Structures are given as structure tokens and as C-alpha cells.
C-alpha atoms as a PDB file:
ATOM      1  CA  MET A   1     103.072 112.644  47.444  1.00  0.00           C
ATOM      2  CA  TYR A   2     105.774 110.251  46.663  1.00  0.00           C
ATOM      3  CA  PHE A   3     106.811 107.146  48.678  1.00  0.00           C
ATOM      4  CA  PRO A   4     109.362 105.285  46.765  1.00  0.00           C
ATOM      5  CA  ALA A   5     109.552 101.581  47.162  1.00  0.00           C
ATOM      6  CA  LEU A   6     113.172 100.851  48.399  1.00  0.00           C
ATOM      7  CA  SER A   7     115.049  97.815  47.826  1.00  0.00           C
ATOM      8  CA  ASP A   8     117.864  96.567  50.394  1.00  0.00           C
ATOM      9  CA  GLU A   9     120.158  97.612  48.069  1.00  0.00           C
ATOM     10  CA  ASP A  10     118.553 101.389  48.033  1.00  0.00           C
ATOM     11  CA  MET A  11     118.902 101.361  51.883  1.00  0.00           C
ATOM     12  CA  LYS A  12     122.724 100.511  51.863  1.00  0.00           C
ATOM     13  CA  LEU A  13     123.161 104.194  50.254  1.00  0.00           C
ATOM     14  CA  PRO A  14     124.460 106.974  52.524  1.00  0.00           C
ATOM     15  CA  PHE A  15     121.232 108.756  52.282  1.00  0.00           C
ATOM     16  CA  TYR A  16     117.904 107.924  50.436  1.00  0.00           C
ATOM     17  CA  VAL A  17     114.631 109.447  50.337  1.00  0.00           C
ATOM     18  CA  THR A  18     111.522 108.083  51.860  1.00  0.00           C
ATOM     19  CA  SER A  19     108.902 110.471  50.926  1.00  0.00           C
ATOM     20  CA  ALA A  20     108.512 113.743  49.307  1.00  0.00           C
ATOM     21  CA  GLY A  21     105.541 115.724  48.269  1.00  0.00           C
ATOM     22  CA  SER A  22     103.681 119.107  48.792  1.00  0.00           C
ATOM     23  CA  TRP A  23     100.625 120.826  50.489  1.00  0.00           C
ATOM     24  CA  ARG A  24      98.542 123.375  49.276  1.00  0.00           C
ATOM     25  CA  HIS A  25      97.475 123.647  52.786  1.00  0.00           C
ATOM     26  CA  GLN A  26      99.319 121.772  55.583  1.00  0.00           C
ATOM     27  CA  THR A  27      97.085 120.280  58.176  1.00  0.00           C
ATOM     28  CA  HIS A  28      97.727 120.106  61.826  1.00  0.00           C
ATOM     29  CA  ILE A  29     100.155 117.307  62.529  1.00  0.00           C
ATOM     30  CA  ASN A  30     101.034 116.226  66.148  1.00  0.00           C
ATOM     31  CA  ARG A  31     103.659 113.143  66.612  1.00  0.00           C
ATOM     32  CA  GLN A  32     105.061 111.578  69.547  1.00  0.00           C
ATOM     33  CA  GLY A  33     108.307 110.395  68.546  1.00  0.00           C
ATOM     34  CA  GLU A  34     107.198 107.507  66.113  1.00  0.00           C
ATOM     35  CA  PHE A  35     108.595 109.022  62.990  1.00  0.00           C
ATOM     36  CA  PRO A  36     111.702 107.421  61.999  1.00  0.00           C
ATOM     37  CA  ASN A  37     113.261 109.635  59.431  1.00  0.00           C
ATOM     38  CA  TYR A  38     114.837 113.150  59.079  1.00  0.00           C
ATOM     39  CA  GLN A  39     112.562 115.776  57.594  1.00  0.00           C
ATOM     40  CA  TRP A  40     112.998 119.134  55.981  1.00  0.00           C
ATOM     41  CA  ILE A  41     109.549 120.987  55.254  1.00  0.00           C
ATOM     42  CA  GLN A  42     109.962 124.157  53.641  1.00  0.00           C
ATOM     43  CA  CYS A  43     107.259 126.820  53.680  1.00  0.00           C
ATOM     44  CA  ILE A  44     106.147 128.089  50.380  1.00  0.00           C
ATOM     45  CA  LYS A  45     103.186 130.627  51.473  1.00  0.00           C
ATOM     46  CA  GLY A  46     101.692 131.678  54.663  1.00  0.00           C
ATOM     47  CA  ARG A  47     102.467 130.924  58.133  1.00  0.00           C
ATOM     48  CA  GLY A  48     102.334 127.749  60.691  1.00  0.00           C
ATOM     49  CA  GLU A  49     103.865 127.267  63.896  1.00  0.00           C
ATOM     50  CA  LEU A  50     106.239 124.767  65.044  1.00  0.00           C
ATOM     51  CA  ARG A  51     106.509 123.024  69.090  1.00  0.00           C
ATOM     52  CA  VAL A  52     109.557 121.168  69.307  1.00  0.00           C
ATOM     53  CA  ASN A  53     111.853 120.642  72.426  1.00  0.00           C
ATOM     54  CA  ASP A  54     109.906 123.104  74.463  1.00  0.00           C
ATOM     55  CA  GLU A  55     110.262 125.805  71.837  1.00  0.00           C
ATOM     56  CA  VAL A  56     107.722 127.463  69.716  1.00  0.00           C
ATOM     57  CA  TYR A  57     108.786 128.740  66.392  1.00  0.00           C
ATOM     58  CA  ILE A  58     106.865 130.690  63.866  1.00  0.00           C
ATOM     59  CA  ILE A  59     107.505 129.356  60.305  1.00  0.00           C
ATOM     60  CA  LYS A  60     107.014 131.632  57.219  1.00  0.00           C
ATOM     61  CA  GLU A  61     107.965 131.967  53.908  1.00  0.00           C
ATOM     62  CA  ASN A  62     111.590 131.379  53.038  1.00  0.00           C
ATOM     63  CA  GLU A  63     111.950 129.512  56.080  1.00  0.00           C
ATOM     64  CA  GLY A  64     111.537 125.656  57.110  1.00  0.00           C
ATOM     65  CA  MET A  65     111.568 122.877  59.678  1.00  0.00           C
ATOM     66  CA  PHE A  66     114.583 120.694  60.184  1.00  0.00           C
ATOM     67  CA  LEU A  67     113.074 117.722  62.190  1.00  0.00           C
ATOM     68  CA  THR A  68     115.356 114.727  63.391  1.00  0.00           C
ATOM     69  CA  PRO A  69     113.982 111.366  63.974  1.00  0.00           C
ATOM     70  CA  HIS A  70     112.170 110.367  67.030  1.00  0.00           C
ATOM     71  CA  VAL A  71     111.938 113.594  68.478  1.00  0.00           C
ATOM     72  CA  PRO A  72     108.148 114.606  69.379  1.00  0.00           C
ATOM     73  CA  HIS A  73     107.114 117.480  67.494  1.00  0.00           C
ATOM     74  CA  GLU A  74     103.841 119.413  66.635  1.00  0.00           C
ATOM     75  CA  TYR A  75     103.206 121.886  63.663  1.00  0.00           C
ATOM     76  CA  TYR A  76     100.193 123.596  62.031  1.00  0.00           C
ATOM     77  CA  PRO A  77      98.750 126.630  60.314  1.00  0.00           C
ATOM     78  CA  VAL A  78      98.173 129.935  61.616  1.00  0.00           C
ATOM     79  CA  THR A  79      97.161 131.465  58.282  1.00  0.00           C
ATOM     80  CA  SER A  80      94.228 130.543  56.028  1.00  0.00           C
ATOM     81  CA  GLU A  81      96.821 129.042  53.607  1.00  0.00           C
ATOM     82  CA  TRP A  82     100.012 127.454  54.615  1.00  0.00           C
ATOM     83  CA  GLN A  83     101.724 125.837  51.435  1.00  0.00           C
ATOM     84  CA  VAL A  84     104.699 123.751  52.122  1.00  0.00           C
ATOM     85  CA  CYS A  85     106.902 121.013  50.449  1.00  0.00           C
ATOM     86  CA  TRP A  86     108.650 118.310  52.198  1.00  0.00           C
ATOM     87  CA  VAL A  87     111.309 115.569  52.169  1.00  0.00           C
ATOM     88  CA  SER A  88     111.994 112.917  54.564  1.00  0.00           C
ATOM     89  CA  PHE A  89     115.292 110.755  54.422  1.00  0.00           C
ATOM     90  CA  ASN A  90     117.230 108.186  55.908  1.00  0.00           C
ATOM     91  CA  GLY A  91     120.294 106.759  55.158  1.00  0.00           C
ATOM     92  CA  SER A  92     122.862 103.842  56.277  1.00  0.00           C
ATOM     93  CA  VAL A  93     125.426 106.590  57.833  1.00  0.00           C
ATOM     94  CA  ILE A  94     123.194 109.371  57.853  1.00  0.00           C
ATOM     95  CA  ASP A  95     123.458 109.871  61.588  1.00  0.00           C
ATOM     96  CA  ASP A  96     127.368 110.533  60.978  1.00  0.00           C
ATOM     97  CA  ILE A  97     126.647 112.741  58.376  1.00  0.00           C
ATOM     98  CA  MET A  98     124.206 114.956  59.956  1.00  0.00           C
ATOM     99  CA  LEU A  99     126.236 114.919  62.973  1.00  0.00           C
ATOM    100  CA  SER A 100     129.693 115.956  61.143  1.00  0.00           C
ATOM    101  CA  LEU A 101     127.387 118.816  59.304  1.00  0.00           C
ATOM    102  CA  GLN A 102     126.004 120.101  62.856  1.00  0.00           C
ATOM    103  CA  PHE A 103     122.616 119.124  62.085  1.00  0.00           C
ATOM    104  CA  ILE A 104     122.133 117.788  65.671  1.00  0.00           C
ATOM    105  CA  ASN A 105     118.610 119.316  67.020  1.00  0.00           C
ATOM    106  CA  SER A 106     115.338 119.924  65.527  1.00  0.00           C
ATOM    107  CA  GLY A 107     114.322 123.715  64.678  1.00  0.00           C
ATOM    108  CA  LYS A 108     113.489 126.555  62.536  1.00  0.00           C
ATOM    109  CA  ILE A 109     116.097 127.470  59.591  1.00  0.00           C
ATOM    110  CA  VAL A 110     115.962 130.696  57.914  1.00  0.00           C
ATOM    111  CA  LEU A 111     116.814 130.463  54.290  1.00  0.00           C
ATOM    112  CA  THR A 112     119.099 133.026  52.452  1.00  0.00           C
ATOM    113  CA  ASN A 113     117.998 131.393  49.006  1.00  0.00           C
ATOM    114  CA  ALA A 114     114.790 129.668  49.432  1.00  0.00           C
ATOM    115  CA  GLU A 115     114.252 129.622  45.617  1.00  0.00           C
ATOM    116  CA  ILE A 116     117.121 127.584  44.655  1.00  0.00           C
ATOM    117  CA  LEU A 117     116.389 124.936  47.214  1.00  0.00           C
ATOM    118  CA  TYR A 118     112.800 124.800  46.388  1.00  0.00           C
ATOM    119  CA  ARG A 119     113.835 124.039  42.610  1.00  0.00           C
ATOM    120  CA  ILE A 120     116.201 121.056  43.878  1.00  0.00           C
ATOM    121  CA  LEU A 121     113.098 119.884  45.585  1.00  0.00           C
ATOM    122  CA  GLN A 122     111.055 120.157  42.885  1.00  0.00           C
ATOM    123  CA  GLU A 123     113.316 118.144  40.600  1.00  0.00           C
ATOM    124  CA  LEU A 124     113.525 115.576  43.181  1.00  0.00           C
ATOM    125  CA  MET A 125     110.102 115.178  43.078  1.00  0.00           C
ATOM    126  CA  ASN A 126     110.043 115.021  39.190  1.00  0.00           C
ATOM    127  CA  ARG A 127     112.460 111.956  39.554  1.00  0.00           C
ATOM    128  CA  LEU A 128     110.201 110.155  42.158  1.00  0.00           C
ATOM    129  CA  GLU A 129     107.446 110.413  39.540  1.00  0.00           C
ATOM    130  CA  GLU A 130     109.358 108.940  36.629  1.00  0.00           C
ATOM    131  CA  ASN A 131     109.416 106.057  38.923  1.00  0.00           C
ATOM    132  CA  HIS A 132     112.600 104.849  36.967  1.00  0.00           C
ATOM    133  CA  THR A 133     114.985 101.990  38.219  1.00  0.00           C
ATOM    134  CA  SER A 134     117.511 105.003  38.543  1.00  0.00           C
ATOM    135  CA  SER A 135     115.568 107.399  40.437  1.00  0.00           C
ATOM    136  CA  THR A 136     116.859 106.254  43.838  1.00  0.00           C
ATOM    137  CA  MET A 137     120.210 106.986  42.956  1.00  0.00           C
ATOM    138  CA  GLN A 138     119.523 110.317  41.348  1.00  0.00           C
ATOM    139  CA  CYS A 139     117.100 111.226  44.214  1.00  0.00           C
ATOM    140  CA  SER A 140     119.839 110.659  46.438  1.00  0.00           C
ATOM    141  CA  GLU A 141     122.315 112.846  44.660  1.00  0.00           C
ATOM    142  CA  LEU A 142     119.571 115.619  44.562  1.00  0.00           C
ATOM    143  CA  LEU A 143     118.883 114.989  48.450  1.00  0.00           C
ATOM    144  CA  TYR A 144     122.650 115.696  49.176  1.00  0.00           C
ATOM    145  CA  SER A 145     122.456 118.777  47.144  1.00  0.00           C
ATOM    146  CA  VAL A 146     119.277 119.800  49.669  1.00  0.00           C
ATOM    147  CA  ILE A 147     121.373 119.045  52.688  1.00  0.00           C
ATOM    148  CA  LEU A 148     124.541 120.642  51.770  1.00  0.00           C
ATOM    149  CA  LYS A 149     122.439 123.695  50.574  1.00  0.00           C
ATOM    150  CA  LEU A 150     120.984 123.833  54.005  1.00  0.00           C
ATOM    151  CA  ARG A 151     124.265 123.796  55.727  1.00  0.00           C
ATOM    152  CA  GLN A 152     125.885 126.262  53.349  1.00  0.00           C
ATOM    153  CA  ASP A 153     123.273 129.160  53.709  1.00  0.00           C
ATOM    154  CA  SER A 154     121.260 128.713  56.922  1.00  0.00           C
ATOM    155  CA  GLY A 155     121.230 128.773  60.652  1.00  0.00           C
ATOM    156  CA  VAL A 156     119.378 125.979  62.382  1.00  0.00           C
ATOM    157  CA  TYR A 157     118.375 128.019  65.006  1.00  0.00           C
ATOM    158  CA  ILE A 158     116.172 131.327  64.843  1.00  0.00           C
ATOM    159  CA  GLU A 159     118.412 133.206  67.068  1.00  0.00           C
ATOM    160  CA  SER A 160     121.410 132.236  64.839  1.00  0.00           C
ATOM    161  CA  LYS A 161     122.564 134.332  61.825  1.00  0.00           C
ATOM    162  CA  SER A 162     123.266 132.078  58.614  1.00  0.00           C
ATOM    163  CA  ARG A 163     126.647 130.446  58.158  1.00  0.00           C
ATOM    164  CA  LEU A 164     127.553 132.845  55.216  1.00  0.00           C
ATOM    165  CA  GLN A 165     126.631 135.718  57.254  1.00  0.00           C
ATOM    166  CA  GLN A 166     128.945 134.211  60.360  1.00  0.00           C
ATOM    167  CA  ILE A 167     131.701 133.604  58.285  1.00  0.00           C
ATOM    168  CA  THR A 168     131.422 137.199  56.396  1.00  0.00           C
ATOM    169  CA  GLN A 169     131.601 138.630  60.431  1.00  0.00           C
ATOM    170  CA  LEU A 170     134.716 136.446  61.041  1.00  0.00           C
ATOM    171  CA  ASN A 171     136.626 137.839  57.800  1.00  0.00           C
ATOM    172  CA  PRO A 172     138.692 140.174  59.766  1.00  0.00           C
ATOM    173  CA  VAL A 173     140.096 137.938  62.297  1.00  0.00           C
ATOM    174  CA  LEU A 174     140.647 134.995  59.611  1.00  0.00           C
ATOM    175  CA  ARG A 175     142.489 137.311  57.563  1.00  0.00           C
ATOM    176  CA  TYR A 176     144.820 138.658  60.706  1.00  0.00           C
ATOM    177  CA  ILE A 177     145.369 134.988  61.667  1.00  0.00           C
ATOM    178  CA  GLU A 178     146.474 134.101  57.892  1.00  0.00           C
ATOM    179  CA  GLU A 179     148.903 137.203  58.389  1.00  0.00           C
ATOM    180  CA  TYR A 180     150.128 136.750  61.807  1.00  0.00           C
ATOM    181  CA  TYR A 181     149.860 133.040  62.444  1.00  0.00           C
ATOM    182  CA  HIS A 182     153.784 133.097  63.012  1.00  0.00           C
ATOM    183  CA  GLN A 183     153.373 135.513  66.175  1.00  0.00           C
ATOM    184  CA  PRO A 184     152.167 134.890  69.639  1.00  0.00           C
ATOM    185  CA  LEU A 185     148.288 135.039  69.282  1.00  0.00           C
ATOM    186  CA  THR A 186     145.906 135.362  72.312  1.00  0.00           C
ATOM    187  CA  LEU A 187     141.959 135.260  72.448  1.00  0.00           C
ATOM    188  CA  GLU A 188     141.823 138.904  73.516  1.00  0.00           C
ATOM    189  CA  LEU A 189     143.810 139.771  70.426  1.00  0.00           C
ATOM    190  CA  LEU A 190     141.629 137.688  68.079  1.00  0.00           C
ATOM    191  CA  ALA A 191     138.207 139.431  69.436  1.00  0.00           C
ATOM    192  CA  GLN A 192     139.764 142.615  69.191  1.00  0.00           C
ATOM    193  CA  GLN A 193     139.899 142.243  65.438  1.00  0.00           C
ATOM    194  CA  LEU A 194     136.043 141.934  65.666  1.00  0.00           C
ATOM    195  CA  ASN A 195     135.323 144.348  68.390  1.00  0.00           C
ATOM    196  CA  VAL A 196     133.510 141.801  70.112  1.00  0.00           C
ATOM    197  CA  THR A 197     133.858 140.031  73.302  1.00  0.00           C
ATOM    198  CA  GLU A 198     136.361 136.794  73.826  1.00  0.00           C
ATOM    199  CA  GLN A 199     133.090 134.739  74.422  1.00  0.00           C
ATOM    200  CA  TYR A 200     131.228 135.903  71.449  1.00  0.00           C
ATOM    201  CA  THR A 201     134.596 135.266  69.226  1.00  0.00           C
ATOM    202  CA  CYS A 202     134.396 131.391  70.624  1.00  0.00           C
ATOM    203  CA  LEU A 203     130.595 131.584  69.802  1.00  0.00           C
ATOM    204  CA  LEU A 204     131.255 132.589  66.294  1.00  0.00           C
ATOM    205  CA  PHE A 205     134.080 130.332  65.149  1.00  0.00           C
ATOM    206  CA  GLN A 206     131.793 127.451  66.862  1.00  0.00           C
ATOM    207  CA  GLN A 207     128.759 128.242  64.885  1.00  0.00           C
ATOM    208  CA  SER A 208     130.206 129.164  61.640  1.00  0.00           C
ATOM    209  CA  LEU A 209     133.439 126.791  61.363  1.00  0.00           C
ATOM    210  CA  GLY A 210     132.501 124.134  63.831  1.00  0.00           C
ATOM    211  CA  ILE A 211     135.855 124.373  65.947  1.00  0.00           C
ATOM    212  CA  ARG A 212     137.104 126.574  68.481  1.00  0.00           C
ATOM    213  CA  PRO A 213     139.387 129.550  67.851  1.00  0.00           C
ATOM    214  CA  PHE A 214     142.673 127.971  68.331  1.00  0.00           C
ATOM    215  CA  GLU A 215     141.876 124.727  66.885  1.00  0.00           C
ATOM    216  CA  TYR A 216     141.579 127.125  63.551  1.00  0.00           C
ATOM    217  CA  VAL A 217     144.920 128.926  64.288  1.00  0.00           C
ATOM    218  CA  THR A 218     146.492 125.112  64.684  1.00  0.00           C
ATOM    219  CA  ARG A 219     145.135 124.351  61.541  1.00  0.00           C
ATOM    220  CA  VAL A 220     146.406 127.336  59.612  1.00  0.00           C
ATOM    221  CA  ARG A 221     150.038 126.672  61.302  1.00  0.00           C
ATOM    222  CA  ILE A 222     150.021 122.993  60.327  1.00  0.00           C
ATOM    223  CA  GLN A 223     149.040 124.106  56.703  1.00  0.00           C
ATOM    224  CA  LYS A 224     152.015 126.457  56.522  1.00  0.00           C
ATOM    225  CA  ALA A 225     154.551 124.032  58.096  1.00  0.00           C
ATOM    226  CA  LYS A 226     153.376 121.307  55.546  1.00  0.00           C
ATOM    227  CA  LYS A 227     154.243 123.939  52.728  1.00  0.00           C
ATOM    228  CA  LEU A 228     157.475 124.517  54.220  1.00  0.00           C
ATOM    229  CA  LEU A 229     158.518 120.819  54.671  1.00  0.00           C
ATOM    230  CA  LEU A 230     157.742 120.167  51.230  1.00  0.00           C
ATOM    231  CA  LYS A 231     159.756 123.333  50.240  1.00  0.00           C
ATOM    232  CA  THR A 232     162.882 121.823  50.771  1.00  0.00           C
ATOM    233  CA  ASN A 233     164.379 118.935  53.141  1.00  0.00           C
ATOM    234  CA  GLN A 234     167.429 121.361  54.503  1.00  0.00           C
ATOM    235  CA  ILE A 235     165.301 123.244  56.925  1.00  0.00           C
ATOM    236  CA  PRO A 236     165.308 121.633  60.072  1.00  0.00           C
ATOM    237  CA  VAL A 237     162.027 120.649  61.726  1.00  0.00           C
ATOM    238  CA  GLN A 238     162.697 122.868  64.673  1.00  0.00           C
ATOM    239  CA  ASP A 239     163.377 126.018  62.648  1.00  0.00           C
ATOM    240  CA  ILE A 240     159.856 125.308  61.050  1.00  0.00           C
ATOM    241  CA  ALA A 241     158.113 125.140  64.066  1.00  0.00           C
ATOM    242  CA  ARG A 242     159.325 128.436  65.076  1.00  0.00           C
ATOM    243  CA  GLN A 243     158.388 130.010  61.548  1.00  0.00           C
ATOM    244  CA  VAL A 244     154.910 128.501  62.161  1.00  0.00           C
ATOM    245  CA  GLY A 245     154.552 130.371  65.733  1.00  0.00           C
ATOM    246  CA  TYR A 246     155.618 127.531  68.033  1.00  0.00           C
ATOM    247  CA  GLU A 247     158.457 128.221  70.363  1.00  0.00           C
ATOM    248  CA  HIS A 248     159.066 124.510  71.666  1.00  0.00           C
ATOM    249  CA  PRO A 249     159.689 122.193  68.553  1.00  0.00           C
ATOM    250  CA  SER A 250     158.332 119.232  70.786  1.00  0.00           C
ATOM    251  CA  TYR A 251     154.821 120.922  71.094  1.00  0.00           C
ATOM    252  CA  PHE A 252     154.785 121.623  67.531  1.00  0.00           C
ATOM    253  CA  ILE A 253     155.488 117.674  66.651  1.00  0.00           C
ATOM    254  CA  LYS A 254     152.830 116.918  68.909  1.00  0.00           C
ATOM    255  CA  ARG A 255     150.078 119.264  67.275  1.00  0.00           C
ATOM    256  CA  PHE A 256     151.510 118.071  63.782  1.00  0.00           C
ATOM    257  CA  LYS A 257     151.082 114.603  64.518  1.00  0.00           C
ATOM    258  CA  GLU A 258     147.437 115.155  65.974  1.00  0.00           C
ATOM    259  CA  GLN A 259     146.235 116.901  62.589  1.00  0.00           C
ATOM    260  CA  GLU A 260     148.145 114.684  60.387  1.00  0.00           C
ATOM    261  CA  ASN A 261     148.593 111.242  62.071  1.00  0.00           C
ATOM    262  CA  VAL A 262     152.446 111.199  61.213  1.00  0.00           C
ATOM    263  CA  THR A 263     155.653 113.534  62.574  1.00  0.00           C
ATOM    264  CA  PRO A 264     156.822 116.136  60.488  1.00  0.00           C
ATOM    265  CA  THR A 265     159.735 114.161  59.511  1.00  0.00           C
ATOM    266  CA  ILE A 266     157.841 111.328  58.365  1.00  0.00           C
ATOM    267  CA  PHE A 267     155.639 113.253  56.455  1.00  0.00           C
ATOM    268  CA  ARG A 268     158.468 115.029  54.739  1.00  0.00           C
ATOM    269  CA  LYS A 269     159.897 111.527  53.932  1.00  0.00           C
ATOM    270  CA  MET A 270     156.832 110.629  52.299  1.00  0.00           C
ATOM    271  CA  TYR A 271     157.362 113.445  49.557  1.00  0.00           C
ATOM    272  CA  PHE A 272     161.462 113.284  49.566  1.00  0.00           C
ATOM    273  CA  SER A 273     163.453 110.190  48.963  1.00  0.00           C
END
């Protein structure tokens, strides 16, 4: 087990490690909300059970527990051996970072590549063991890799598919939007590309990309509009609006400003004298 001695400067980092380690056999833990840090606890061997937010999860190999601060939780082994490794962490802006990455609730994470994540955790513990003056910064960098790896190939809830699987399932509709962004699009039309319901289409977009389907359509259209605006300064803004799927130029200008914080005309002037 490692508990780094953190200085005031260390705790100004966006994220820093507060503890890390491993258990050959994890014992019964029951916390009532007093633990102040985020935790990632990865199962290496055996099985355990997690109780959090009125849910019960079986945690086995290639799975783990993501736990948010000050949330009551309980976990314990259900096999004769439950081997785990863990890292706990905090940071000066950690809550905003975790929210932006959609790590909001405690729960079970099913990993698609547990071995890579385990190696990163081992490297993190090696840095802590060295106890060098640069260890905190190195561990912060490794911790960020852990967080991004969890976000890349996992689903926080056991019912959820991994983010990679969700994006793969979305590929037909993403390709469709890329090809037909300039045409009228409806939720029914997008759902047909996936052979699923409109409600499930919305759920897939929200879980994998964190936005609603037509928020994604808007971002694609604005991206295409930016390219047209910078291709030449001779094409009127109202023509560009129609080319990217907006019948009314005023609505296009409104959505463009929401995305870019400037109007299309000002955006163009930023690049053309």
C-alpha cells in the first residue's frame, strides 16, 4: 500500500493520487460516506460483491468498481480468494473533469482490455515506491491515463455496453449523417439506419457520445459550414446555410453562434482580411 505525502503544491494539480495498492485477498469494507476520494478498484482474480446506491453488483476478473467520494458503499469477497488492486485520487478540478467524462455515479465497470489498465496501475505503484520528488507529477500523468482508459473502453453500469461497442453500433447512422447532413433529417429516419426504436437511438447517442442525436447533427453541419466559409469569402452566408441543411439563414446563424460564440460573418473575417 502506498500513501504519498502530498504538498500544498501537489494538491493544486487537476488530479493527484491519494493512495494505491493491492490485496491478495480483499477483506470486507463497509463505509458510511466518510471516504473523501474517488476510487478505482480492479478485480484481478476471484469474485466479490459491491453494494452501492441500492444496487448489488458481482465484481469478477476483468471488471472493477468505480466509487465516487462520500457515497456509502460496501464490498466483500464471495470466493475464497479475491485479489484486487486499487487507486484513490482527488484533484483541484477533479469534479468538473469527472463530470465532463460522465463518471457521475458509483457502480461496476466491465473492461474490454483489463491487462493494459492493470499495467498502468502497476507502473503507477512503481513510481510511488520510488518516492522521488517527481513521483507525484508522474503519478498524476499515469492517473490521467487510467481515467481516459476507463472512459474509452468501459461502461459504468453493468447493463451498459462498452462505449466502444456503442459507437460501433452507431456507425451506420453516423455515416448516414455524414453523407446526408444537407438534407432534412428526422429522428425516425436516423433510427431506421439502426433498425431500432427512436427512444433507443437517443439512448445510444447519450451513452456513447454524451449528446442527443440532433445535437450531433448540428455539430456536423456547423463543421461543414466552417469549411465552406473558409473555402472562399465569395459565397453568401445564406447560401452556405442551405448547403448544410438549414432552410432559414437566421436559424443557421443562431446555431452557429451557439457552437462557435461568433456569427458566421465574424468567423469568416477572422481568417479573411
